[in-house]
N, C-alpha and C. Protein backbone atom coordinates (compact mmCIF):
# COMPACT_ATOMS: atom_id res chain seq x y z
N MET A 1 -3.81 2.44 13.63
CA MET A 1 -4.60 3.65 13.50
C MET A 1 -3.89 4.59 12.53
N PRO A 2 -4.58 5.11 11.51
CA PRO A 2 -3.94 6.02 10.57
C PRO A 2 -3.47 7.29 11.26
N SER A 3 -2.34 7.76 10.84
CA SER A 3 -1.83 9.03 11.34
C SER A 3 -0.93 9.61 10.27
N SER A 4 -0.29 10.72 10.57
CA SER A 4 0.59 11.33 9.59
C SER A 4 1.80 10.47 9.31
N THR A 5 2.07 9.47 10.14
CA THR A 5 3.22 8.60 9.91
C THR A 5 2.85 7.34 9.15
N HIS A 6 1.60 7.15 8.82
CA HIS A 6 1.18 5.96 8.10
C HIS A 6 0.57 6.35 6.76
N PRO A 7 0.74 5.46 5.74
CA PRO A 7 0.02 5.72 4.50
C PRO A 7 -1.48 5.77 4.79
N SER A 8 -2.15 6.69 4.20
CA SER A 8 -3.56 6.90 4.48
C SER A 8 -4.44 5.91 3.73
N PRO A 9 -5.44 5.32 4.40
CA PRO A 9 -6.42 4.52 3.67
C PRO A 9 -7.10 5.34 2.57
N ASN A 10 -7.11 6.68 2.70
CA ASN A 10 -7.68 7.51 1.63
C ASN A 10 -6.87 7.37 0.35
N SER A 11 -5.55 7.22 0.46
CA SER A 11 -4.72 6.98 -0.72
C SER A 11 -5.12 5.68 -1.40
N THR A 12 -5.39 4.68 -0.59
CA THR A 12 -5.79 3.38 -1.14
C THR A 12 -7.12 3.51 -1.88
N GLN A 13 -8.06 4.23 -1.31
CA GLN A 13 -9.35 4.41 -1.98
C GLN A 13 -9.19 5.20 -3.27
N GLU A 14 -8.32 6.19 -3.26
CA GLU A 14 -8.06 6.97 -4.47
C GLU A 14 -7.53 6.06 -5.59
N VAL A 15 -6.63 5.16 -5.26
CA VAL A 15 -6.07 4.24 -6.25
C VAL A 15 -7.14 3.26 -6.72
N ALA A 16 -7.94 2.74 -5.82
CA ALA A 16 -9.02 1.83 -6.20
C ALA A 16 -9.96 2.51 -7.18
N ASP A 17 -10.26 3.77 -6.94
CA ASP A 17 -11.13 4.52 -7.84
C ASP A 17 -10.48 4.75 -9.19
N ARG A 18 -9.18 5.07 -9.19
CA ARG A 18 -8.44 5.29 -10.45
C ARG A 18 -8.40 4.05 -11.32
N LEU A 19 -8.12 2.91 -10.69
CA LEU A 19 -7.92 1.67 -11.45
C LEU A 19 -9.17 0.79 -11.53
N LEU A 20 -10.23 1.24 -10.86
CA LEU A 20 -11.50 0.51 -10.87
C LEU A 20 -11.33 -0.93 -10.38
N VAL A 21 -10.66 -1.05 -9.24
CA VAL A 21 -10.48 -2.36 -8.61
C VAL A 21 -10.79 -2.24 -7.12
N PRO A 22 -11.30 -3.31 -6.52
CA PRO A 22 -11.48 -3.27 -5.06
C PRO A 22 -10.09 -3.34 -4.41
N LEU A 23 -9.86 -2.50 -3.43
CA LEU A 23 -8.55 -2.46 -2.79
C LEU A 23 -8.72 -2.09 -1.33
N PRO A 24 -9.01 -3.08 -0.49
CA PRO A 24 -9.20 -2.77 0.92
C PRO A 24 -7.89 -2.37 1.58
N ALA A 25 -7.96 -1.43 2.49
CA ALA A 25 -6.79 -1.01 3.27
C ALA A 25 -6.95 -1.52 4.69
N VAL A 26 -5.89 -2.07 5.22
CA VAL A 26 -5.88 -2.56 6.58
C VAL A 26 -4.69 -1.94 7.29
N VAL A 27 -4.92 -1.28 8.38
CA VAL A 27 -3.84 -0.72 9.19
C VAL A 27 -3.65 -1.64 10.38
N ILE A 28 -2.46 -2.18 10.52
CA ILE A 28 -2.16 -3.09 11.61
C ILE A 28 -1.38 -2.31 12.67
N ASP A 29 -1.96 -2.21 13.83
CA ASP A 29 -1.38 -1.41 14.90
C ASP A 29 -0.79 -2.35 15.96
N ALA A 30 0.36 -2.95 15.61
CA ALA A 30 1.07 -3.83 16.53
C ALA A 30 2.53 -3.42 16.52
N GLN A 31 3.11 -3.24 17.66
CA GLN A 31 4.47 -2.69 17.76
C GLN A 31 5.51 -3.51 17.01
N ASP A 32 5.46 -4.81 17.08
CA ASP A 32 6.51 -5.63 16.47
C ASP A 32 6.21 -6.02 15.02
N TRP A 33 5.03 -5.69 14.53
CA TRP A 33 4.64 -6.12 13.19
C TRP A 33 5.54 -5.55 12.09
N PRO A 34 5.86 -4.26 12.07
CA PRO A 34 6.73 -3.76 10.99
C PRO A 34 8.06 -4.51 10.90
N GLU A 35 8.67 -4.78 12.03
CA GLU A 35 9.94 -5.50 12.03
C GLU A 35 9.77 -6.90 11.46
N GLN A 36 8.67 -7.55 11.78
CA GLN A 36 8.43 -8.90 11.28
C GLN A 36 8.32 -8.95 9.77
N VAL A 37 7.80 -7.89 9.17
CA VAL A 37 7.61 -7.88 7.71
C VAL A 37 8.64 -7.01 6.99
N ARG A 38 9.67 -6.60 7.72
CA ARG A 38 10.81 -5.85 7.17
C ARG A 38 10.43 -4.51 6.55
N ILE A 39 9.62 -3.75 7.29
CA ILE A 39 9.33 -2.37 6.92
C ILE A 39 9.47 -1.54 8.19
N THR A 40 9.41 -0.23 8.05
CA THR A 40 9.42 0.63 9.24
C THR A 40 7.98 0.86 9.67
N ASP A 41 7.81 1.58 10.77
CA ASP A 41 6.46 1.90 11.21
C ASP A 41 5.79 2.89 10.27
N ARG A 42 6.53 3.39 9.28
CA ARG A 42 5.97 4.28 8.26
C ARG A 42 5.83 3.59 6.91
N GLY A 43 6.03 2.29 6.89
CA GLY A 43 5.98 1.54 5.64
C GLY A 43 4.62 0.97 5.32
N ALA A 44 4.59 0.24 4.21
CA ALA A 44 3.33 -0.38 3.77
C ALA A 44 3.64 -1.61 2.93
N LEU A 45 2.68 -2.51 2.89
CA LEU A 45 2.77 -3.69 2.05
C LEU A 45 1.57 -3.72 1.11
N LEU A 46 1.81 -4.20 -0.09
CA LEU A 46 0.72 -4.51 -1.01
C LEU A 46 0.66 -6.03 -1.05
N VAL A 47 -0.43 -6.59 -0.56
CA VAL A 47 -0.56 -8.04 -0.42
C VAL A 47 -1.61 -8.54 -1.40
N ARG A 48 -1.22 -9.54 -2.18
CA ARG A 48 -2.15 -10.13 -3.15
C ARG A 48 -3.24 -10.93 -2.42
N PRO A 49 -4.34 -11.24 -3.11
CA PRO A 49 -5.40 -12.02 -2.46
C PRO A 49 -4.93 -13.39 -1.95
N ASP A 50 -3.86 -13.95 -2.56
CA ASP A 50 -3.35 -15.24 -2.09
C ASP A 50 -2.32 -15.08 -0.96
N GLN A 51 -2.27 -13.85 -0.38
CA GLN A 51 -1.44 -13.53 0.77
C GLN A 51 0.06 -13.43 0.46
N ILE A 52 0.43 -13.34 -0.80
CA ILE A 52 1.82 -13.11 -1.20
C ILE A 52 2.07 -11.60 -1.20
N ILE A 53 3.20 -11.18 -0.64
CA ILE A 53 3.56 -9.76 -0.65
C ILE A 53 4.00 -9.39 -2.06
N ALA A 54 3.24 -8.49 -2.68
CA ALA A 54 3.52 -8.06 -4.05
C ALA A 54 4.44 -6.85 -4.10
N ARG A 55 4.39 -6.02 -3.08
CA ARG A 55 5.21 -4.80 -3.06
C ARG A 55 5.44 -4.42 -1.61
N ARG A 56 6.68 -4.11 -1.31
CA ARG A 56 7.05 -3.71 0.05
C ARG A 56 7.59 -2.28 -0.03
N ALA A 57 7.02 -1.36 0.71
CA ALA A 57 7.51 0.02 0.79
C ALA A 57 8.01 0.22 2.22
N PRO A 58 9.32 0.18 2.42
CA PRO A 58 9.85 0.28 3.77
C PRO A 58 9.46 1.58 4.49
N ILE A 59 9.28 2.66 3.73
CA ILE A 59 8.84 3.94 4.29
C ILE A 59 7.74 4.50 3.39
N THR A 60 7.00 5.46 3.90
CA THR A 60 5.96 6.10 3.10
C THR A 60 6.61 6.93 2.00
N PRO A 61 6.27 6.67 0.74
CA PRO A 61 6.83 7.49 -0.34
C PRO A 61 6.23 8.89 -0.32
N PRO A 62 6.87 9.85 -1.01
CA PRO A 62 6.35 11.22 -1.03
C PRO A 62 4.90 11.31 -1.52
N ASP A 63 4.55 10.48 -2.50
CA ASP A 63 3.18 10.46 -3.03
C ASP A 63 2.66 9.02 -2.98
N PRO A 64 2.10 8.62 -1.83
CA PRO A 64 1.67 7.23 -1.66
C PRO A 64 0.68 6.76 -2.73
N ALA A 65 -0.27 7.61 -3.12
CA ALA A 65 -1.27 7.20 -4.11
C ALA A 65 -0.61 6.93 -5.46
N ASP A 66 0.33 7.78 -5.86
CA ASP A 66 1.02 7.58 -7.14
C ASP A 66 1.85 6.31 -7.12
N GLU A 67 2.59 6.10 -6.05
CA GLU A 67 3.43 4.90 -5.91
C GLU A 67 2.58 3.64 -5.95
N LEU A 68 1.46 3.65 -5.23
CA LEU A 68 0.57 2.50 -5.21
C LEU A 68 -0.09 2.28 -6.56
N THR A 69 -0.47 3.35 -7.24
CA THR A 69 -1.06 3.23 -8.58
C THR A 69 -0.09 2.56 -9.53
N ARG A 70 1.16 3.02 -9.53
CA ARG A 70 2.16 2.44 -10.44
C ARG A 70 2.43 0.97 -10.11
N ALA A 71 2.56 0.65 -8.82
CA ALA A 71 2.82 -0.73 -8.42
C ALA A 71 1.67 -1.65 -8.79
N LEU A 72 0.46 -1.23 -8.50
CA LEU A 72 -0.70 -2.05 -8.79
C LEU A 72 -0.94 -2.18 -10.30
N ALA A 73 -0.73 -1.11 -11.04
CA ALA A 73 -0.87 -1.16 -12.50
C ALA A 73 0.11 -2.16 -13.09
N ARG A 74 1.36 -2.17 -12.60
CA ARG A 74 2.34 -3.16 -13.08
C ARG A 74 1.85 -4.57 -12.82
N LEU A 75 1.34 -4.80 -11.60
CA LEU A 75 0.86 -6.13 -11.26
C LEU A 75 -0.32 -6.56 -12.12
N LEU A 76 -1.15 -5.58 -12.49
CA LEU A 76 -2.34 -5.88 -13.29
C LEU A 76 -2.05 -5.84 -14.79
N GLY A 77 -0.84 -5.45 -15.16
CA GLY A 77 -0.50 -5.36 -16.58
C GLY A 77 -1.19 -4.20 -17.28
N ARG A 78 -1.40 -3.13 -16.54
CA ARG A 78 -2.08 -1.96 -17.10
C ARG A 78 -1.11 -0.80 -17.25
N ALA A 79 -1.39 0.05 -18.22
CA ALA A 79 -0.62 1.27 -18.39
C ALA A 79 -1.29 2.38 -17.61
N VAL A 80 -0.50 3.24 -17.01
CA VAL A 80 -1.03 4.41 -16.33
C VAL A 80 -0.35 5.65 -16.93
N GLY A 81 -1.12 6.72 -17.02
CA GLY A 81 -0.57 7.92 -17.65
C GLY A 81 -0.36 9.04 -16.75
């Protein structure tokens, strides 16, 4: 469930709109899940369609939308300004 301690799905939608790509957000609310994927309960993963972890953010960055935009742009080979 999104809260102030989790990256907001709204950030994900903002990035999808900026880069014109579909980018679904999934919040997994399981107590042991963050430990299994080596992040904190405030972290996030960017997972490719083939289920490979492309980016791991152990904690929520100060500007989640900016961090996600830069990470996704790198993966897509796009420049962001």
